[in-house]
């Protein structure tokens, strides 16, 4: 009957539509539709948030593993060159030690740099966090990975080359004051350079790894006879943990960290763009 009425009288269709839209049943259907869309939206938002948090967790784990492996490579090479000095009865000296440190850093930067930034140094991690280039929430995980890599590399190196872990510990060779300032200034230089290149990454490109490696080799040359050329809390803490010798370990934690933070801060301040004197202040209204 309704179908016949609609066909014979088109205006009835309009009236029927209006009546249906004003009826309680149609309103209920609309409310159900809105409620259903709300549920679907909330579900998709929860799924998206869950996916994002899981992705962030996976990325953090990848970064930590990369830092652990990078620090392991660095420390194993350090153990190897120091052991070679003993095995070859002094024929391998400071120059070879510095070259090993610099070349290893270059290799590590190119291998794990795209994953974690290749810090392999708690001081560098803290300095980059100060610049805002890494979230502070990730700093403990980075440092944990670096320390695990250093401890494990020291243990493996001592086992492979058959030496006691205290052989690769760092200690002041000409007094605490001299060693402190040597570590502080050398790490300041390295971090100032690294931070400067991070601000000009588009101009430096792949040369950054080579420049940092050369800088580390040079600073090891000038600090090696004074402090052992650590420049890295993880480099000193790994052997200290394995050997149980913590003499003056604070020096190799505080000096590089303060030096790195100041180097990064100064690099950032020098690159702040001052406002041009010719440009008007946004609070000044210029009358015509």
C-alpha atoms as a PDB file:
ATOM      1  CA  UNK A   1       0.000   0.000   0.000  1.00  0.00           C
ATOM      2  CA  UNK A   2       2.771   2.440   0.927  1.00  0.00           C
ATOM      3  CA  UNK A   3       4.711   1.543  -2.217  1.00  0.00           C
ATOM      4  CA  UNK A   4       1.707   2.171  -4.418  1.00  0.00           C
ATOM      5  CA  UNK A   5       1.057   5.493  -2.696  1.00  0.00           C
ATOM      6  CA  UNK A   6       4.628   6.650  -3.226  1.00  0.00           C
ATOM      7  CA  UNK A   7       4.565   5.713  -6.882  1.00  0.00           C
ATOM      8  CA  UNK A   8       1.266   7.432  -7.599  1.00  0.00           C
ATOM      9  CA  UNK A   9       1.968  10.548  -5.520  1.00  0.00           C
ATOM     10  CA  UNK A  10       5.615  11.727  -5.496  1.00  0.00           C
ATOM     11  CA  UNK A  11       4.812  14.372  -2.909  1.00  0.00           C
ATOM     12  CA  UNK A  12       3.886  11.590  -0.546  1.00  0.00           C
ATOM     13  CA  UNK A  13       7.453  10.399  -0.682  1.00  0.00           C
ATOM     14  CA  UNK A  14       8.606  13.773   0.585  1.00  0.00           C
ATOM     15  CA  UNK A  15       6.018  13.747   3.329  1.00  0.00           C
ATOM     16  CA  UNK A  16       6.941  10.225   4.303  1.00  0.00           C
ATOM     17  CA  UNK A  17      10.629  11.169   4.445  1.00  0.00           C
ATOM     18  CA  UNK A  18       9.872  14.161   6.638  1.00  0.00           C
ATOM     19  CA  UNK A  19       7.729  12.073   8.942  1.00  0.00           C
ATOM     20  CA  UNK A  20      10.410   9.430   9.201  1.00  0.00           C
ATOM     21  CA  UNK A  21      13.113  11.955   9.959  1.00  0.00           C
ATOM     22  CA  UNK A  22      10.991  13.468  12.711  1.00  0.00           C
ATOM     23  CA  UNK A  23      10.086  10.116  14.188  1.00  0.00           C
ATOM     24  CA  UNK A  24      11.789   8.812  17.269  1.00  0.00           C
ATOM     25  CA  UNK A  25      12.915   5.665  15.484  1.00  0.00           C
ATOM     26  CA  UNK A  26      14.981   7.580  12.937  1.00  0.00           C
ATOM     27  CA  UNK A  27      16.534   9.683  15.665  1.00  0.00           C
ATOM     28  CA  UNK A  28      17.445   6.540  17.528  1.00  0.00           C
ATOM     29  CA  UNK A  29      19.082   5.199  14.377  1.00  0.00           C
ATOM     30  CA  UNK A  30      21.086   8.409  14.068  1.00  0.00           C
ATOM     31  CA  UNK A  31      22.200   8.187  17.683  1.00  0.00           C
ATOM     32  CA  UNK A  32      23.210   4.568  17.174  1.00  0.00           C
ATOM     33  CA  UNK A  33      25.219   5.582  14.109  1.00  0.00           C
ATOM     34  CA  UNK A  34      27.001   8.379  15.979  1.00  0.00           C
ATOM     35  CA  UNK A  35      27.717   6.056  18.900  1.00  0.00           C
ATOM     36  CA  UNK A  36      29.034   3.412  16.497  1.00  0.00           C
ATOM     37  CA  UNK A  37      31.324   5.942  14.803  1.00  0.00           C
ATOM     38  CA  UNK A  38      32.536   7.078  18.214  1.00  0.00           C
ATOM     39  CA  UNK A  39      33.385   3.511  19.182  1.00  0.00           C
ATOM     40  CA  UNK A  40      35.176   2.932  15.871  1.00  0.00           C
ATOM     41  CA  UNK A  41      37.121   6.183  16.293  1.00  0.00           C
ATOM     42  CA  UNK A  42      38.182   5.347  19.836  1.00  0.00           C
ATOM     43  CA  UNK A  43      39.185   1.837  18.815  1.00  0.00           C
ATOM     44  CA  UNK A  44      41.259   3.086  15.896  1.00  0.00           C
ATOM     45  CA  UNK A  45      42.892   5.715  18.114  1.00  0.00           C
ATOM     46  CA  UNK A  46      43.780   3.113  20.729  1.00  0.00           C
ATOM     47  CA  UNK A  47      45.160   0.826  18.022  1.00  0.00           C
ATOM     48  CA  UNK A  48      47.205   3.690  16.600  1.00  0.00           C
ATOM     49  CA  UNK A  49      48.594   4.636  20.016  1.00  0.00           C
ATOM     50  CA  UNK A  50      49.417   1.009  20.780  1.00  0.00           C
ATOM     51  CA  UNK A  51      51.180   0.645  17.428  1.00  0.00           C
ATOM     52  CA  UNK A  52      53.143   3.876  17.970  1.00  0.00           C
ATOM     53  CA  UNK A  53      54.276   2.913  21.477  1.00  0.00           C
ATOM     54  CA  UNK A  54      55.311  -0.529  20.259  1.00  0.00           C
ATOM     55  CA  UNK A  55      57.244   1.020  17.378  1.00  0.00           C
ATOM     56  CA  UNK A  56      59.014   3.415  19.773  1.00  0.00           C
ATOM     57  CA  UNK A  57      59.924   0.515  22.046  1.00  0.00           C
ATOM     58  CA  UNK A  58      61.378  -1.467  19.144  1.00  0.00           C
ATOM     59  CA  UNK A  59      63.382   1.556  17.964  1.00  0.00           C
ATOM     60  CA  UNK A  60      64.757   2.114  21.470  1.00  0.00           C
ATOM     61  CA  UNK A  61      65.812  -1.531  21.735  1.00  0.00           C
ATOM     62  CA  UNK A  62      67.537  -1.284  18.341  1.00  0.00           C
ATOM     63  CA  UNK A  63      69.418   1.822  19.457  1.00  0.00           C
ATOM     64  CA  UNK A  64      70.522   0.243  22.736  1.00  0.00           C
ATOM     65  CA  UNK A  65      71.768  -2.901  20.988  1.00  0.00           C
ATOM     66  CA  UNK A  66      73.602  -0.762  18.422  1.00  0.00           C
ATOM     67  CA  UNK A  67      75.316   1.250  21.177  1.00  0.00           C
ATOM     68  CA  UNK A  68      76.234  -1.955  22.996  1.00  0.00           C
ATOM     69  CA  UNK A  69      77.781  -3.473  19.861  1.00  0.00           C
ATOM     70  CA  UNK A  70      79.559  -0.243  18.936  1.00  0.00           C
ATOM     71  CA  UNK A  71      81.087   0.114  22.396  1.00  0.00           C
ATOM     72  CA  UNK A  72      82.051  -3.565  22.349  1.00  0.00           C
ATOM     73  CA  UNK A  73      83.916  -3.078  19.052  1.00  0.00           C
ATOM     74  CA  UNK A  74      85.687   0.005  20.385  1.00  0.00           C
ATOM     75  CA  UNK A  75      86.725  -1.590  23.666  1.00  0.00           C
ATOM     76  CA  UNK A  76      87.799  -4.892  22.133  1.00  0.00           C
ATOM     77  CA  UNK A  77      90.091  -3.017  19.731  1.00  0.00           C
ATOM     78  CA  UNK A  78      91.468  -0.980  22.643  1.00  0.00           C
ATOM     79  CA  UNK A  79      92.152  -4.180  24.583  1.00  0.00           C
ATOM     80  CA  UNK A  80      93.771  -5.693  21.507  1.00  0.00           C
ATOM     81  CA  UNK A  81      96.181  -2.816  20.880  1.00  0.00           C
ATOM     82  CA  UNK A  82      97.177  -2.613  24.550  1.00  0.00           C
ATOM     83  CA  UNK A  83      97.747  -6.377  24.645  1.00  0.00           C
ATOM     84  CA  UNK A  84      99.824  -6.097  21.458  1.00  0.00           C
ATOM     85  CA  UNK A  85     102.035  -3.561  23.203  1.00  0.00           C
ATOM     86  CA  UNK A  86     102.785  -6.152  25.878  1.00  0.00           C
ATOM     87  CA  UNK A  87     103.157  -9.063  23.459  1.00  0.00           C
ATOM     88  CA  UNK A  88     105.532  -7.153  21.183  1.00  0.00           C
ATOM     89  CA  UNK A  89     107.517  -5.803  24.127  1.00  0.00           C
ATOM     90  CA  UNK A  90     106.868  -2.135  23.566  1.00  0.00           C
ATOM     91  CA  UNK A  91     107.208  -2.057  19.788  1.00  0.00           C
ATOM     92  CA  UNK A  92     103.583  -0.912  19.599  1.00  0.00           C
ATOM     93  CA  UNK A  93     103.295   2.470  21.286  1.00  0.00           C
ATOM     94  CA  UNK A  94     101.187   5.577  21.701  1.00  0.00           C
ATOM     95  CA  UNK A  95     100.952   6.344  17.987  1.00  0.00           C
ATOM     96  CA  UNK A  96      99.467   2.931  17.232  1.00  0.00           C
ATOM     97  CA  UNK A  97      97.139   3.226  20.216  1.00  0.00           C
ATOM     98  CA  UNK A  98      95.845   6.611  19.018  1.00  0.00           C
ATOM     99  CA  UNK A  99      95.450   5.373  15.443  1.00  0.00           C
ATOM    100  CA  UNK A 100      93.504   2.338  16.659  1.00  0.00           C
ATOM    101  CA  UNK A 101      91.130   4.524  18.655  1.00  0.00           C
ATOM    102  CA  UNK A 102      90.521   6.924  15.778  1.00  0.00           C
ATOM    103  CA  UNK A 103      90.096   4.263  13.088  1.00  0.00           C
ATOM    104  CA  UNK A 104      87.770   2.212  15.275  1.00  0.00           C
ATOM    105  CA  UNK A 105      85.548   5.236  15.851  1.00  0.00           C
ATOM    106  CA  UNK A 106      85.334   5.804  12.086  1.00  0.00           C
ATOM    107  CA  UNK A 107      84.292   2.183  11.547  1.00  0.00           C
ATOM    108  CA  UNK A 108      81.713   2.373  14.346  1.00  0.00           C
ATOM    109  CA  UNK A 109      80.233   5.640  13.063  1.00  0.00           C
ATOM    110  CA  UNK A 110      79.673   4.211   9.597  1.00  0.00           C
ATOM    111  CA  UNK A 111      78.284   0.931  10.939  1.00  0.00           C
ATOM    112  CA  UNK A 112      75.811   2.018  13.632  1.00  0.00           C
ATOM    113  CA  UNK A 113      75.586   5.756  13.034  1.00  0.00           C
ATOM    114  CA  UNK A 114      72.335   5.513  11.041  1.00  0.00           C
ATOM    115  CA  UNK A 115      70.773   3.448  13.846  1.00  0.00           C
ATOM    116  CA  UNK A 116      71.716   5.199  17.081  1.00  0.00           C
ATOM    117  CA  UNK A 117      74.054   8.048  16.183  1.00  0.00           C
ATOM    118  CA  UNK A 118      77.130   6.031  17.241  1.00  0.00           C
ATOM    119  CA  UNK A 119      77.698   7.791  20.556  1.00  0.00           C
ATOM    120  CA  UNK A 120      79.493   4.836  22.234  1.00  0.00           C
ATOM    121  CA  UNK A 121      80.256   7.313  25.013  1.00  0.00           C
ATOM    122  CA  UNK A 122      77.993   8.335  27.937  1.00  0.00           C
ATOM    123  CA  UNK A 123      79.431  11.858  27.859  1.00  0.00           C
ATOM    124  CA  UNK A 124      78.432  12.288  24.223  1.00  0.00           C
ATOM    125  CA  UNK A 125      74.942  10.940  24.929  1.00  0.00           C
ATOM    126  CA  UNK A 126      74.421  13.377  27.807  1.00  0.00           C
ATOM    127  CA  UNK A 127      75.770  16.263  25.727  1.00  0.00           C
ATOM    128  CA  UNK A 128      73.431  15.541  22.805  1.00  0.00           C
ATOM    129  CA  UNK A 129      70.524  15.239  25.250  1.00  0.00           C
ATOM    130  CA  UNK A 130      71.450  18.689  26.557  1.00  0.00           C
ATOM    131  CA  UNK A 131      71.162  19.986  22.986  1.00  0.00           C
ATOM    132  CA  UNK A 132      67.759  18.338  22.642  1.00  0.00           C
ATOM    133  CA  UNK A 133      68.926  15.981  19.887  1.00  0.00           C
ATOM    134  CA  UNK A 134      68.030  12.905  21.934  1.00  0.00           C
ATOM    135  CA  UNK A 135      65.203  12.582  24.511  1.00  0.00           C
ATOM    136  CA  UNK A 136      66.351  12.435  28.133  1.00  0.00           C
ATOM    137  CA  UNK A 137      64.122   9.393  28.581  1.00  0.00           C
ATOM    138  CA  UNK A 138      66.462   7.411  26.310  1.00  0.00           C
ATOM    139  CA  UNK A 139      69.701   8.494  28.000  1.00  0.00           C
ATOM    140  CA  UNK A 140      69.705   5.781  30.735  1.00  0.00           C
ATOM    141  CA  UNK A 141      69.136   3.076  28.116  1.00  0.00           C
ATOM    142  CA  UNK A 142      71.930   4.396  25.902  1.00  0.00           C
ATOM    143  CA  UNK A 143      74.353   4.493  28.826  1.00  0.00           C
ATOM    144  CA  UNK A 144      73.316   1.032  29.992  1.00  0.00           C
ATOM    145  CA  UNK A 145      74.020  -0.388  26.535  1.00  0.00           C
ATOM    146  CA  UNK A 146      77.395   1.361  26.394  1.00  0.00           C
ATOM    147  CA  UNK A 147      78.455   0.074  29.815  1.00  0.00           C
ATOM    148  CA  UNK A 148      77.367  -3.489  29.049  1.00  0.00           C
ATOM    149  CA  UNK A 149      79.335  -3.387  25.795  1.00  0.00           C
ATOM    150  CA  UNK A 150      82.437  -2.066  27.560  1.00  0.00           C
ATOM    151  CA  UNK A 151      82.323  -4.614  30.389  1.00  0.00           C
ATOM    152  CA  UNK A 152      81.720  -7.527  28.038  1.00  0.00           C
ATOM    153  CA  UNK A 153      84.491  -6.414  25.639  1.00  0.00           C
ATOM    154  CA  UNK A 154      86.976  -6.096  28.499  1.00  0.00           C
ATOM    155  CA  UNK A 155      86.118  -9.567  29.749  1.00  0.00           C
ATOM    156  CA  UNK A 156      86.372 -11.091  26.256  1.00  0.00           C
ATOM    157  CA  UNK A 157      89.588  -9.211  25.484  1.00  0.00           C
ATOM    158  CA  UNK A 158      91.218 -10.356  28.712  1.00  0.00           C
ATOM    159  CA  UNK A 159      90.217 -13.941  27.932  1.00  0.00           C
ATOM    160  CA  UNK A 160      91.368 -13.873  24.298  1.00  0.00           C
ATOM    161  CA  UNK A 161      94.709 -12.138  24.887  1.00  0.00           C
ATOM    162  CA  UNK A 162      95.263 -13.763  28.283  1.00  0.00           C
ATOM    163  CA  UNK A 163      95.945 -10.674  30.393  1.00  0.00           C
ATOM    164  CA  UNK A 164      94.576  -9.259  33.615  1.00  0.00           C
ATOM    165  CA  UNK A 165      91.888  -6.618  33.259  1.00  0.00           C
ATOM    166  CA  UNK A 166      93.853  -4.038  35.244  1.00  0.00           C
ATOM    167  CA  UNK A 167      96.234  -3.830  32.276  1.00  0.00           C
ATOM    168  CA  UNK A 168      93.632  -1.817  30.338  1.00  0.00           C
ATOM    169  CA  UNK A 169      92.440   0.394  33.201  1.00  0.00           C
ATOM    170  CA  UNK A 170      93.073   4.133  32.999  1.00  0.00           C
ATOM    171  CA  UNK A 171      94.888   6.026  35.724  1.00  0.00           C
ATOM    172  CA  UNK A 172      96.465   9.469  36.155  1.00  0.00           C
ATOM    173  CA  UNK A 173     100.137   9.288  35.208  1.00  0.00           C
ATOM    174  CA  UNK A 174     101.210  12.796  36.246  1.00  0.00           C
ATOM    175  CA  UNK A 175      98.819  13.798  39.013  1.00  0.00           C
ATOM    176  CA  UNK A 176      95.058  14.196  39.311  1.00  0.00           C
ATOM    177  CA  UNK A 177      94.976  17.864  38.347  1.00  0.00           C
ATOM    178  CA  UNK A 178      96.843  17.375  35.083  1.00  0.00           C
ATOM    179  CA  UNK A 179      94.822  14.297  34.154  1.00  0.00           C
ATOM    180  CA  UNK A 180      91.528  16.039  34.947  1.00  0.00           C
ATOM    181  CA  UNK A 181      92.226  19.055  32.764  1.00  0.00           C
ATOM    182  CA  UNK A 182      93.605  16.908  29.957  1.00  0.00           C
ATOM    183  CA  UNK A 183      90.432  14.786  29.867  1.00  0.00           C
ATOM    184  CA  UNK A 184      88.213  17.850  30.220  1.00  0.00           C
ATOM    185  CA  UNK A 185      89.824  19.896  27.433  1.00  0.00           C
ATOM    186  CA  UNK A 186      90.200  16.978  25.015  1.00  0.00           C
ATOM    187  CA  UNK A 187      86.555  15.939  25.387  1.00  0.00           C
ATOM    188  CA  UNK A 188      85.491  19.573  25.078  1.00  0.00           C
ATOM    189  CA  UNK A 189      87.297  19.781  21.729  1.00  0.00           C
ATOM    190  CA  UNK A 190      85.818  16.528  20.429  1.00  0.00           C
ATOM    191  CA  UNK A 191      82.261  17.405  21.422  1.00  0.00           C
ATOM    192  CA  UNK A 192      82.517  20.961  20.113  1.00  0.00           C
ATOM    193  CA  UNK A 193      83.571  19.507  16.777  1.00  0.00           C
ATOM    194  CA  UNK A 194      80.914  16.768  16.761  1.00  0.00           C
ATOM    195  CA  UNK A 195      78.117  19.163  17.734  1.00  0.00           C
ATOM    196  CA  UNK A 196      79.227  21.700  15.132  1.00  0.00           C
ATOM    197  CA  UNK A 197      79.060  19.082  12.396  1.00  0.00           C
ATOM    198  CA  UNK A 198      75.666  17.876  13.591  1.00  0.00           C
ATOM    199  CA  UNK A 199      74.343  21.403  13.017  1.00  0.00           C
ATOM    200  CA  UNK A 200      75.874  21.452   9.522  1.00  0.00           C
ATOM    201  CA  UNK A 201      75.135  17.849   8.562  1.00  0.00           C
ATOM    202  CA  UNK A 202      73.958  18.824   5.062  1.00  0.00           C
ATOM    203  CA  UNK A 203      77.318  20.468   4.318  1.00  0.00           C
ATOM    204  CA  UNK A 204      79.637  17.935   5.974  1.00  0.00           C
ATOM    205  CA  UNK A 205      77.900  14.756   4.859  1.00  0.00           C
ATOM    206  CA  UNK A 206      79.854  11.511   5.151  1.00  0.00           C
ATOM    207  CA  UNK A 207      83.061  13.351   6.067  1.00  0.00           C
ATOM    208  CA  UNK A 208      81.823  13.727   9.647  1.00  0.00           C
ATOM    209  CA  UNK A 209      82.902  10.208  10.617  1.00  0.00           C
ATOM    210  CA  UNK A 210      86.428  10.753   9.326  1.00  0.00           C
ATOM    211  CA  UNK A 211      86.761  14.153  11.003  1.00  0.00           C
ATOM    212  CA  UNK A 212      85.636  12.825  14.396  1.00  0.00           C
ATOM    213  CA  UNK A 213      87.960   9.822  14.083  1.00  0.00           C
ATOM    214  CA  UNK A 214      90.961  12.030  13.306  1.00  0.00           C
ATOM    215  CA  UNK A 215      90.077  14.362  16.190  1.00  0.00           C
ATOM    216  CA  UNK A 216      89.903  11.447  18.625  1.00  0.00           C
ATOM    217  CA  UNK A 217      93.249  10.093  17.412  1.00  0.00           C
ATOM    218  CA  UNK A 218      94.873  13.508  17.923  1.00  0.00           C
ATOM    219  CA  UNK A 219      93.424  13.994  21.402  1.00  0.00           C
ATOM    220  CA  UNK A 220      94.541  10.497  22.447  1.00  0.00           C
ATOM    221  CA  UNK A 221      98.057  11.415  21.330  1.00  0.00           C
ATOM    222  CA  UNK A 222      98.133  14.487  23.567  1.00  0.00           C
ATOM    223  CA  UNK A 223      96.326  12.978  26.577  1.00  0.00           C
ATOM    224  CA  UNK A 224      97.697   9.430  26.516  1.00  0.00           C
ATOM    225  CA  UNK A 225     100.940  10.182  28.402  1.00  0.00           C
ATOM    226  CA  UNK A 226      99.009  12.163  31.032  1.00  0.00           C
ATOM    227  CA  UNK A 227      95.702  10.413  31.680  1.00  0.00           C
ATOM    228  CA  UNK A 228      95.756   7.316  29.499  1.00  0.00           C
ATOM    229  CA  UNK A 229      93.612   8.963  26.820  1.00  0.00           C
ATOM    230  CA  UNK A 230      90.231   7.738  28.009  1.00  0.00           C
ATOM    231  CA  UNK A 231      87.901  10.594  26.929  1.00  0.00           C
ATOM    232  CA  UNK A 232      85.014   8.223  27.604  1.00  0.00           C
ATOM    233  CA  UNK A 233      83.489   7.087  30.925  1.00  0.00           C
ATOM    234  CA  UNK A 234      82.510   3.738  29.379  1.00  0.00           C
ATOM    235  CA  UNK A 235      86.108   3.156  28.294  1.00  0.00           C
ATOM    236  CA  UNK A 236      87.270   3.518  31.912  1.00  0.00           C
ATOM    237  CA  UNK A 237      84.302   1.938  33.696  1.00  0.00           C
ATOM    238  CA  UNK A 238      84.385  -1.351  31.770  1.00  0.00           C
ATOM    239  CA  UNK A 239      87.913  -2.336  32.839  1.00  0.00           C
ATOM    240  CA  UNK A 240      87.257  -0.955  36.337  1.00  0.00           C
ATOM    241  CA  UNK A 241      84.233  -3.229  36.783  1.00  0.00           C
ATOM    242  CA  UNK A 242      86.021  -6.327  35.469  1.00  0.00           C
ATOM    243  CA  UNK A 243      89.210  -5.712  37.472  1.00  0.00           C
ATOM    244  CA  UNK A 244      87.509  -4.316  40.584  1.00  0.00           C
ATOM    245  CA  UNK A 245      89.902  -1.346  40.565  1.00  0.00           C
ATOM    246  CA  UNK A 246      88.016   1.930  40.943  1.00  0.00           C
ATOM    247  CA  UNK A 247      90.903   4.212  41.892  1.00  0.00           C
ATOM    248  CA  UNK A 248      90.236   7.780  40.688  1.00  0.00           C
ATOM    249  CA  UNK A 249      87.363   6.542  38.523  1.00  0.00           C
ATOM    250  CA  UNK A 250      85.392   9.714  39.315  1.00  0.00           C
ATOM    251  CA  UNK A 251      87.908  11.691  37.255  1.00  0.00           C
ATOM    252  CA  UNK A 252      87.127   9.689  34.114  1.00  0.00           C
ATOM    253  CA  UNK A 253      83.399  10.197  34.655  1.00  0.00           C
ATOM    254  CA  UNK A 254      83.234  13.870  35.651  1.00  0.00           C
ATOM    255  CA  UNK A 255      85.916  15.448  33.443  1.00  0.00           C
ATOM    256  CA  UNK A 256      84.745  14.040  30.074  1.00  0.00           C
ATOM    257  CA  UNK A 257      81.071  14.619  30.876  1.00  0.00           C
ATOM    258  CA  UNK A 258      81.492  18.262  31.906  1.00  0.00           C
ATOM    259  CA  UNK A 259      83.821  18.887  28.968  1.00  0.00           C
ATOM    260  CA  UNK A 260      81.392  17.333  26.482  1.00  0.00           C
ATOM    261  CA  UNK A 261      78.383  19.263  27.795  1.00  0.00           C
ATOM    262  CA  UNK A 262      80.238  22.581  27.692  1.00  0.00           C
ATOM    263  CA  UNK A 263      81.576  21.866  24.210  1.00  0.00           C
ATOM    264  CA  UNK A 264      78.094  21.091  22.908  1.00  0.00           C
ATOM    265  CA  UNK A 265      76.578  24.123  24.650  1.00  0.00           C
ATOM    266  CA  UNK A 266      79.178  26.519  23.248  1.00  0.00           C
ATOM    267  CA  UNK A 267      78.754  25.105  19.754  1.00  0.00           C
ATOM    268  CA  UNK A 268      75.006  25.658  19.984  1.00  0.00           C
ATOM    269  CA  UNK A 269      75.320  29.224  21.314  1.00  0.00           C
ATOM    270  CA  UNK A 270      77.730  30.228  18.556  1.00  0.00           C
ATOM    271  CA  UNK A 271      75.219  29.102  15.942  1.00  0.00           C
ATOM    272  CA  UNK A 272      72.249  31.050  17.271  1.00  0.00           C
ATOM    273  CA  UNK A 273      71.151  33.539  14.626  1.00  0.00           C
ATOM    274  CA  UNK A 274      70.964  37.061  16.093  1.00  0.00           C
ATOM    275  CA  UNK A 275      68.065  39.247  14.992  1.00  0.00           C
ATOM    276  CA  UNK A 276      69.007  41.755  12.331  1.00  0.00           C
ATOM    277  CA  UNK A 277      69.055  45.382  13.490  1.00  0.00           C
ATOM    278  CA  UNK A 278      67.262  46.442  10.306  1.00  0.00           C
ATOM    279  CA  UNK A 279      64.276  44.172  10.921  1.00  0.00           C
ATOM    280  CA  UNK A 280      61.530  45.730  13.051  1.00  0.00           C
ATOM    281  CA  UNK A 281      60.424  44.219  16.312  1.00  0.00           C
ATOM    282  CA  UNK A 282      57.101  42.371  16.094  1.00  0.00           C
ATOM    283  CA  UNK A 283      55.812  44.564  18.937  1.00  0.00           C
ATOM    284  CA  UNK A 284      56.558  47.837  17.122  1.00  0.00           C
ATOM    285  CA  UNK A 285      53.872  49.340  14.896  1.00  0.00           C
ATOM    286  CA  UNK A 286      55.280  51.403  12.042  1.00  0.00           C
ATOM    287  CA  UNK A 287      53.029  54.346  11.172  1.00  0.00           C
ATOM    288  CA  UNK A 288      52.622  55.403   7.546  1.00  0.00           C
END
